[in-house]
Amino acid sequence: MRAILLTIQSLFIIVSMMSCNSPSGNASGGNNAKGSFGFDCEFIAKHDIGAVILSSGDMKIIVSPKYQAKVFTSTASGDAGRSFGWIHYKAFDGPKDAHMNAYGGENRLWLGPEGGRFSLFFKPGAKMEFTNWTTPAAFDIESWDVSEHTTTLVRLHKQMSLINYAGTQLSLRIDRSILLLSRKEIDSLLGISTDTLVNTVGYQTENTLTNTGTNAWDEKSGVPCIWLLDMFPPSDKTVIVVPYKQDKPETKPATTNYFGEIPPDRVKMNGKTLFFRADGKNRGKLGIHPKRAVNIAGSYDAQNKILTIIKFSIDNNAQYLNQEWNTTKPPFSGDAVNAYNDGPLADGSQMGPFYELESVSPAAFLQPGKKQVHQHAVFHFTGTEAALSNISTKTLGISLQDIKKAF
């Protein structure tokens, strides 16, 4: 019986790969132009023969079990359509990087915190500087297992054993489901009615963290959190948009100094919306505190007329982990929503360019056997600016004209 089930699973994978052209044996993407979904699909298929393509008409996404259950990219217009995710092609050729293997991907799962007293990226007692920063292999280079696969759904899982900065060993399991959404489901989740002239693709991820150890995770041992990061190609006219809750005018809604203070000409706030340049030319990261955060963010690329929306779980009253590279700040004073713009490092080198939209779960105070779930959905829309502006106004609370006038 087990052999039959394995054969069926293999057939599912083979069928899924038929929805993108066969790998050409080189990075040229065969007959598909660079920047198209077909090009990226062929590239990933060459490196991961078990890659899973979810499709419904012209809406497609590619998920890689080998590369940590990432959604590498998506399209709203079939193989010849634009590929929305950022992929770091050079990283696939190796050698492995000691700090982070940045393969890219428009939706990847990490665990936090990155820094702080319960960091998963620094060994106990190590000085928090780049030399000592290492992404745990379980969500950096190790493959994940497929639990289930249909034409529009894939479930994956991974057992992990991690040691945090406090010296606590964390035994855990991640279960991750990725569902390609229909247009009706996209409209329902966002409370919109998309114009027939608008092309769209959207998918919902559900990410479950289980404490598989024998000890509870608490304020003494340290706790992890689920962290979703979406990487996209930038342009000179891309602006990240992060709505937030109004508060006292003198209260700053965002942390803007993760990697040094972001210059004032690159980030603006108007009392309810934050605007952040996403041109890939100046490195900076910001975050919104959970008390001020809302469950939606996005970006608009006016150069290519792409509206991107993310929607995610949030708990305004929960404790979120501080992820900054220091042990002095209170460990449960972190942000719930983040955005990052890539740029050159001090030595002039640069990984990207790309930009990121991110969400994190609250700190996972879990007893043995208990679970925490974090949902994170990604949507892309292309079409006329008038139609896209209607979507932007209903979801982000601001028109495209106002976004374009921000800088």
Protein backbone atom coordinates (compact mmCIF):
# COMPACT_ATOMS: atom_id res chain seq x y z
CA MET A 1 0.00 0.00 0.00
CA ARG A 2 2.83 2.40 0.91
CA ALA A 3 4.47 1.78 -2.49
CA ILE A 4 1.17 2.60 -4.24
CA LEU A 5 0.82 5.85 -2.29
CA LEU A 6 4.37 6.88 -3.12
CA THR A 7 3.75 6.14 -6.81
CA ILE A 8 0.59 8.26 -6.77
CA GLN A 9 2.47 11.13 -5.10
CA SER A 10 5.21 10.89 -7.73
CA LEU A 11 2.63 11.00 -10.51
CA PHE A 12 1.12 14.13 -8.99
CA ILE A 13 4.53 15.81 -9.10
CA ILE A 14 5.14 14.73 -12.70
CA VAL A 15 1.74 16.05 -13.77
CA SER A 16 2.36 19.33 -11.99
CA MET A 17 5.66 19.82 -13.81
CA MET A 18 3.91 19.44 -17.17
CA SER A 19 2.34 22.86 -16.61
CA CYS A 20 5.70 24.53 -17.15
CA ASN A 21 8.07 23.79 -20.01
CA SER A 22 10.70 21.11 -19.41
CA PRO A 23 14.03 22.30 -18.03
CA SER A 24 16.30 23.43 -20.84
CA GLY A 25 19.50 22.34 -19.09
CA ASN A 26 20.74 25.91 -18.73
CA ALA A 27 19.72 29.15 -17.07
CA SER A 28 18.55 30.77 -20.31
CA GLY A 29 14.97 29.63 -19.73
CA GLY A 30 14.58 27.96 -23.14
CA ASN A 31 12.01 29.81 -25.23
CA ASN A 32 10.71 31.88 -22.32
CA ALA A 33 11.97 35.42 -21.85
CA LYS A 34 13.84 36.31 -18.69
CA GLY A 35 11.41 37.91 -16.29
CA SER A 36 8.58 35.57 -17.30
CA PHE A 37 7.08 32.89 -15.10
CA GLY A 38 8.05 30.27 -17.69
CA PHE A 39 11.71 31.25 -17.44
CA ASP A 40 11.72 31.06 -13.65
CA CYS A 41 9.67 27.87 -13.63
CA GLU A 42 12.20 26.13 -15.87
CA PHE A 43 15.08 27.46 -13.79
CA ILE A 44 13.66 26.15 -10.51
CA ALA A 45 12.63 22.83 -12.09
CA LYS A 46 16.22 22.32 -13.20
CA HIS A 47 17.43 22.65 -9.61
CA ASP A 48 14.50 20.91 -7.88
CA ILE A 49 12.97 18.02 -9.84
CA GLY A 50 10.30 17.75 -7.15
CA ALA A 51 9.15 21.34 -7.52
CA VAL A 52 5.36 21.68 -7.34
CA ILE A 53 3.37 23.97 -9.63
CA LEU A 54 -0.10 24.96 -8.50
CA SER A 55 -2.27 26.30 -11.31
CA SER A 56 -5.78 27.42 -12.20
CA GLY A 57 -6.07 28.86 -15.68
CA ASP A 58 -3.42 31.56 -16.09
CA MET A 59 -2.81 31.79 -12.33
CA LYS A 60 0.27 29.79 -11.32
CA ILE A 61 2.76 29.54 -8.47
CA ILE A 62 5.81 27.34 -8.01
CA VAL A 63 6.66 25.80 -4.62
CA SER A 64 9.95 24.06 -3.87
CA PRO A 65 10.22 21.30 -1.23
CA LYS A 66 13.99 21.15 -1.76
CA TYR A 67 14.37 24.87 -1.11
CA GLN A 68 12.62 25.07 2.26
CA ALA A 69 8.98 25.08 1.04
CA LYS A 70 9.42 28.48 -0.60
CA VAL A 71 6.89 29.93 -3.01
CA PHE A 72 9.53 31.05 -5.47
CA THR A 73 7.28 33.06 -7.75
CA SER A 74 3.82 33.49 -9.22
CA THR A 75 2.08 34.78 -12.32
CA ALA A 76 -1.34 36.12 -13.23
CA SER A 77 -0.88 35.58 -16.98
CA GLY A 78 0.47 32.08 -17.62
CA ASP A 79 4.00 31.02 -18.53
CA ALA A 80 4.60 34.06 -20.75
CA GLY A 81 3.35 36.41 -18.05
CA ARG A 82 5.44 38.43 -15.63
CA SER A 83 7.15 36.55 -12.80
CA PHE A 84 6.38 38.46 -9.62
CA GLY A 85 8.98 36.96 -7.25
CA TRP A 86 12.66 37.82 -6.88
CA ILE A 87 15.03 34.90 -7.51
CA HIS A 88 18.77 35.08 -6.81
CA TYR A 89 19.99 32.93 -9.71
CA LYS A 90 23.68 33.05 -8.74
CA ALA A 91 23.04 31.51 -5.31
CA PHE A 92 22.09 28.14 -6.82
CA ASP A 93 25.56 27.49 -8.19
CA GLY A 94 27.18 27.44 -4.75
CA PRO A 95 29.32 27.14 -2.80
CA LYS A 96 27.13 27.25 0.30
CA ASP A 97 27.28 30.53 2.21
CA ALA A 98 28.17 30.36 5.90
CA HIS A 99 25.65 33.06 6.87
CA MET A 100 22.62 32.76 4.59
CA ASN A 101 21.90 31.08 1.28
CA ALA A 102 19.73 33.72 -0.32
CA TYR A 103 17.93 31.80 -3.06
CA GLY A 104 15.18 34.40 -3.08
CA GLY A 105 11.51 33.61 -3.35
CA GLU A 106 8.39 35.70 -3.01
CA ASN A 107 7.28 33.86 0.12
CA ARG A 108 9.63 32.07 2.49
CA LEU A 109 9.27 30.87 6.06
CA TRP A 110 11.85 31.66 8.69
CA LEU A 111 11.70 31.39 12.45
CA GLY A 112 12.64 34.25 14.75
CA PRO A 113 13.89 35.99 16.62
CA GLU A 114 16.89 36.95 14.53
CA GLY A 115 18.58 38.90 17.33
CA GLY A 116 17.93 39.54 21.01
CA ARG A 117 18.22 37.34 24.08
CA PHE A 118 16.48 34.40 22.42
CA SER A 119 18.05 34.70 18.97
CA LEU A 120 18.12 31.64 16.72
CA PHE A 121 20.86 33.11 14.50
CA PHE A 122 23.66 33.57 17.07
CA LYS A 123 25.31 30.95 19.26
CA PRO A 124 25.04 31.47 23.03
CA GLY A 125 27.40 34.22 24.17
CA ALA A 126 28.49 35.23 20.65
CA LYS A 127 28.81 38.92 19.88
CA MET A 128 25.92 39.99 17.66
CA GLU A 129 27.79 41.03 14.56
CA PHE A 130 27.72 39.78 10.97
CA THR A 131 30.74 37.49 11.40
CA ASN A 132 28.79 35.37 13.90
CA TRP A 133 25.38 35.54 12.21
CA THR A 134 24.21 32.18 10.80
CA THR A 135 20.80 31.15 9.50
CA PRO A 136 19.80 27.74 10.93
CA ALA A 137 20.16 25.03 8.29
CA ALA A 138 16.63 23.70 8.84
CA PHE A 139 15.16 26.76 7.13
CA ASP A 140 18.21 27.83 5.13
CA ILE A 141 19.44 24.81 3.12
CA GLU A 142 17.57 21.66 4.17
CA SER A 143 14.69 20.17 2.17
CA TRP A 144 11.13 19.75 3.43
CA ASP A 145 8.71 16.85 2.97
CA VAL A 146 5.45 16.97 0.99
CA SER A 147 2.43 15.71 2.93
CA GLU A 148 -0.25 16.33 0.29
CA HIS A 149 -0.50 17.75 -3.21
CA THR A 150 -3.41 18.63 -5.53
CA THR A 151 -3.62 21.01 -8.48
CA THR A 152 -4.23 24.03 -6.18
CA LEU A 153 -2.92 22.92 -2.77
CA VAL A 154 0.34 21.62 -1.34
CA ARG A 155 1.12 20.76 2.28
CA LEU A 156 4.70 20.41 3.54
CA HIS A 157 6.32 19.74 6.90
CA LYS A 158 9.69 19.84 8.65
CA GLN A 159 10.94 18.63 12.04
CA MET A 160 13.61 20.90 13.56
CA SER A 161 15.93 21.01 16.56
CA LEU A 162 17.32 24.47 17.27
CA ILE A 163 19.38 26.06 20.05
CA ASN A 164 18.68 29.68 20.95
CA TYR A 165 20.95 32.37 22.39
CA ALA A 166 19.81 31.45 25.92
CA GLY A 167 21.14 27.91 25.35
CA THR A 168 17.71 26.30 25.20
CA GLN A 169 17.15 23.44 22.77
CA LEU A 170 13.87 23.82 20.93
CA SER A 171 12.32 20.72 19.38
CA LEU A 172 9.59 21.72 16.96
CA ARG A 173 7.68 20.89 13.81
CA ILE A 174 6.44 23.23 11.10
CA ASP A 175 3.44 22.31 8.95
CA ARG A 176 2.92 24.62 6.00
CA SER A 177 0.01 24.62 3.56
CA ILE A 178 -0.11 26.76 0.42
CA LEU A 179 -3.43 27.21 -1.37
CA LEU A 180 -3.78 28.86 -4.77
CA LEU A 181 -6.92 30.98 -4.57
CA SER A 182 -9.69 31.44 -7.13
CA ARG A 183 -10.68 34.93 -8.21
CA LYS A 184 -13.84 34.58 -6.11
CA GLU A 185 -11.77 33.65 -3.05
CA ILE A 186 -9.40 36.59 -3.66
CA ASP A 187 -12.34 38.99 -3.84
CA SER A 188 -13.85 37.51 -0.67
CA LEU A 189 -10.64 37.65 1.38
CA LEU A 190 -9.94 41.26 0.41
CA GLY A 191 -13.52 42.52 0.31
CA ILE A 192 -13.26 43.68 -3.29
CA SER A 193 -14.78 43.02 -6.69
CA THR A 194 -12.04 42.81 -9.29
CA ASP A 195 -12.57 44.31 -12.72
CA THR A 196 -12.60 41.72 -15.50
CA LEU A 197 -9.75 43.63 -17.15
CA VAL A 198 -7.55 43.10 -14.08
CA ASN A 199 -5.27 40.07 -14.05
CA THR A 200 -4.68 38.62 -10.59
CA VAL A 201 -3.07 35.79 -8.68
CA GLY A 202 -3.28 35.10 -4.97
CA TYR A 203 -2.42 32.37 -2.49
CA GLN A 204 -2.97 31.74 1.19
CA THR A 205 -0.31 30.15 3.40
CA GLU A 206 -1.11 28.58 6.77
CA ASN A 207 1.95 27.98 8.92
CA THR A 208 1.69 25.87 12.08
CA LEU A 209 4.40 25.70 14.74
CA THR A 210 4.23 22.76 17.20
CA ASN A 211 6.32 22.30 20.34
CA THR A 212 7.42 18.67 19.95
CA GLY A 213 9.73 18.74 22.97
CA THR A 214 9.09 17.87 26.61
CA ASN A 215 9.48 21.35 28.12
CA ALA A 216 7.29 24.44 27.89
CA TRP A 217 8.57 27.54 26.11
CA ASP A 218 8.44 30.53 28.46
CA GLU A 219 10.06 33.86 29.29
CA LYS A 220 13.05 32.11 30.87
CA SER A 221 13.80 29.43 28.27
CA GLY A 222 12.98 31.70 25.37
CA VAL A 223 10.37 31.29 22.68
CA PRO A 224 10.41 31.32 18.85
CA CYS A 225 8.04 32.98 16.42
CA ILE A 226 6.91 32.32 12.84
CA TRP A 227 8.29 34.79 10.30
CA LEU A 228 7.11 35.18 6.68
CA LEU A 229 9.17 37.21 4.22
CA ASP A 230 8.19 38.13 0.65
CA MET A 231 10.92 39.17 -1.81
CA PHE A 232 10.07 41.15 -4.97
CA PRO A 233 12.00 42.94 -7.73
CA PRO A 234 12.18 46.71 -7.16
CA SER A 235 11.87 49.59 -9.59
CA ASP A 236 12.61 53.31 -9.42
CA LYS A 237 8.87 53.90 -9.00
CA THR A 238 7.96 51.25 -6.41
CA VAL A 239 6.55 52.43 -3.08
CA ILE A 240 5.79 50.21 -0.08
CA VAL A 241 2.52 51.13 1.67
CA VAL A 242 1.91 50.15 5.30
CA PRO A 243 -1.35 51.32 6.92
CA TYR A 244 -1.29 51.73 10.70
CA LYS A 245 -3.58 52.76 13.54
CA GLN A 246 -3.67 56.41 14.49
CA ASP A 247 -2.38 57.39 17.93
CA LYS A 248 -1.05 60.48 19.63
CA PRO A 249 0.60 62.72 17.00
CA GLU A 250 3.87 62.79 18.94
CA THR A 251 4.09 58.98 19.03
CA LYS A 252 6.23 57.57 16.25
CA PRO A 253 4.43 54.56 14.71
CA ALA A 254 7.47 52.82 13.21
CA THR A 255 10.91 51.54 14.12
CA THR A 256 13.11 52.97 11.37
CA ASN A 257 16.65 52.26 12.54
CA TYR A 258 17.13 48.49 12.22
CA PHE A 259 20.22 49.04 10.02
CA GLY A 260 20.79 52.69 10.82
CA GLU A 261 18.19 55.44 10.54
CA ILE A 262 16.37 55.50 7.20
CA PRO A 263 16.88 58.91 5.50
CA PRO A 264 13.79 61.14 5.77
CA ASP A 265 13.45 61.42 1.99
CA ARG A 266 12.89 57.64 1.80
CA VAL A 267 10.17 57.14 4.41
CA LYS A 268 7.08 59.26 5.12
CA MET A 269 4.09 58.96 7.48
CA ASN A 270 0.83 60.90 7.33
CA GLY A 271 -0.88 59.76 10.53
CA LYS A 272 -2.43 56.59 9.14
CA THR A 273 -0.19 55.39 6.28
CA LEU A 274 3.55 54.82 5.99
CA PHE A 275 5.30 55.16 2.61
CA PHE A 276 8.72 53.63 1.99
CA ARG A 277 10.78 53.80 -1.20
CA ALA A 278 11.44 50.32 -2.63
CA ASP A 279 14.00 51.05 -5.35
CA GLY A 280 16.72 48.65 -4.16
CA LYS A 281 19.22 51.50 -3.88
CA ASN A 282 19.45 52.20 -0.14
CA ARG A 283 19.51 49.50 2.55
CA GLY A 284 16.96 50.02 5.28
CA LYS A 285 14.39 48.17 7.36
CA LEU A 286 11.41 49.36 9.36
CA GLY A 287 8.70 47.85 11.52
CA ILE A 288 5.30 48.65 13.02
CA HIS A 289 4.61 47.89 16.69
CA PRO A 290 1.72 45.46 17.26
CA LYS A 291 -0.39 48.11 19.03
CA ARG A 292 -0.31 50.24 15.87
CA ALA A 293 -0.24 47.50 13.23
CA VAL A 294 -3.11 46.36 11.01
CA ASN A 295 -3.36 43.06 9.13
CA ILE A 296 -2.59 44.36 5.64
CA ALA A 297 0.25 46.02 3.72
CA GLY A 298 1.36 46.29 0.12
CA SER A 299 3.30 48.05 -2.59
CA TYR A 300 2.71 49.70 -5.93
CA ASP A 301 5.17 49.55 -8.83
CA ALA A 302 4.08 52.47 -11.03
CA GLN A 303 6.73 51.62 -13.62
CA ASN A 304 5.21 48.19 -14.34
CA LYS A 305 1.68 48.82 -12.98
CA ILE A 306 1.82 46.04 -10.37
CA LEU A 307 -0.20 46.31 -7.17
CA THR A 308 0.87 43.82 -4.49
CA ILE A 309 -1.08 43.18 -1.30
CA ILE A 310 -0.23 40.98 1.69
CA LYS A 311 -2.75 40.05 4.37
CA PHE A 312 -1.80 38.23 7.55
CA SER A 313 -2.72 37.19 11.07
CA ILE A 314 -2.18 39.77 13.80
CA ASP A 315 -2.89 40.06 17.52
CA ASN A 316 -2.64 43.67 18.72
CA ASN A 317 -2.56 42.59 22.37
CA ALA A 318 0.08 39.86 22.10
CA GLN A 319 3.81 39.99 22.83
CA TYR A 320 6.08 40.11 19.78
CA LEU A 321 9.78 39.31 19.90
CA ASN A 322 12.41 42.00 19.48
CA GLN A 323 14.63 40.90 16.57
CA GLU A 324 17.31 43.58 16.67
CA TRP A 325 20.96 42.55 17.00
CA ASN A 326 21.38 43.39 20.68
CA THR A 327 20.59 41.90 24.08
CA THR A 328 19.78 45.15 25.87
CA LYS A 329 16.26 45.80 24.62
CA PRO A 330 13.33 43.99 26.29
CA PRO A 331 12.93 40.66 24.43
CA PHE A 332 9.15 41.05 23.97
CA SER A 333 9.12 44.57 22.52
CA GLY A 334 9.24 43.68 18.83
CA ASP A 335 7.32 44.69 15.72
CA ALA A 336 4.50 42.77 14.02
CA VAL A 337 4.97 44.04 10.44
CA ASN A 338 8.22 44.80 8.65
CA ALA A 339 9.45 46.09 5.31
CA TYR A 340 12.95 46.06 3.86
CA ASN A 341 14.60 47.85 0.94
CA ASP A 342 17.87 46.39 -0.29
CA GLY A 343 20.88 48.48 -1.14
CA PRO A 344 24.69 48.40 -1.37
CA LEU A 345 26.69 47.44 1.71
CA ALA A 346 29.60 49.54 2.97
CA ASP A 347 32.01 47.68 0.65
CA GLY A 348 29.80 48.36 -2.39
CA SER A 349 28.58 44.77 -2.77
CA GLN A 350 24.88 43.97 -2.95
CA MET A 351 22.86 40.77 -2.80
CA GLY A 352 19.88 42.10 -4.74
CA PRO A 353 18.39 44.47 -5.56
CA PHE A 354 15.03 43.45 -4.09
CA TYR A 355 12.55 44.59 -1.47
CA GLU A 356 10.61 42.67 1.19
CA LEU A 357 7.22 42.74 2.86
CA GLU A 358 7.17 40.74 6.11
CA SER A 359 4.83 39.57 8.86
CA VAL A 360 5.60 37.74 12.09
CA SER A 361 3.55 35.80 14.63
CA PRO A 362 3.40 36.62 18.33
CA ALA A 363 5.94 34.93 20.60
CA ALA A 364 5.01 31.24 20.79
CA PHE A 365 4.52 30.49 24.49
CA LEU A 366 3.72 26.82 23.94
CA GLN A 367 3.35 23.84 26.23
CA PRO A 368 4.59 20.47 24.86
CA GLY A 369 2.33 19.28 22.05
CA LYS A 370 0.61 22.66 21.63
CA LYS A 371 0.45 24.61 18.35
CA GLN A 372 0.49 28.16 17.04
CA VAL A 373 -0.87 29.10 13.58
CA HIS A 374 0.11 32.12 11.48
CA GLN A 375 -1.63 32.89 8.18
CA HIS A 376 -0.08 35.02 5.46
CA ALA A 377 -1.55 35.62 1.99
CA VAL A 378 -0.02 37.26 -1.09
CA PHE A 379 -1.93 38.92 -3.96
CA HIS A 380 -0.78 40.57 -7.20
CA PHE A 381 -2.88 42.69 -9.55
CA THR A 382 -2.08 44.13 -12.98
CA GLY A 383 -4.30 46.22 -15.25
CA THR A 384 -5.36 49.82 -15.75
CA GLU A 385 -4.42 52.29 -13.03
CA ALA A 386 -8.06 53.23 -12.56
CA ALA A 387 -9.01 49.63 -11.80
CA LEU A 388 -5.95 49.06 -9.61
CA SER A 389 -6.64 52.29 -7.73
CA ASN A 390 -10.08 51.01 -6.77
CA ILE A 391 -8.45 47.91 -5.27
CA SER A 392 -5.79 49.96 -3.50
CA THR A 393 -8.38 52.31 -2.00
CA LYS A 394 -10.49 49.44 -0.68
CA THR A 395 -7.58 47.43 0.73
CA LEU A 396 -4.86 49.91 1.72
CA GLY A 397 -7.14 52.89 2.23
CA ILE A 398 -5.34 55.08 -0.30
CA SER A 399 -5.48 55.72 -4.06
CA LEU A 400 -2.66 55.07 -6.47
CA GLN A 401 -2.42 58.79 -7.21
CA ASP A 402 -1.71 59.50 -3.56
CA ILE A 403 0.84 56.67 -3.43
CA LYS A 404 2.63 58.04 -6.49
CA LYS A 405 2.67 61.55 -4.95
CA ALA A 406 4.28 60.31 -1.71
CA PHE A 407 7.82 60.95 -3.04
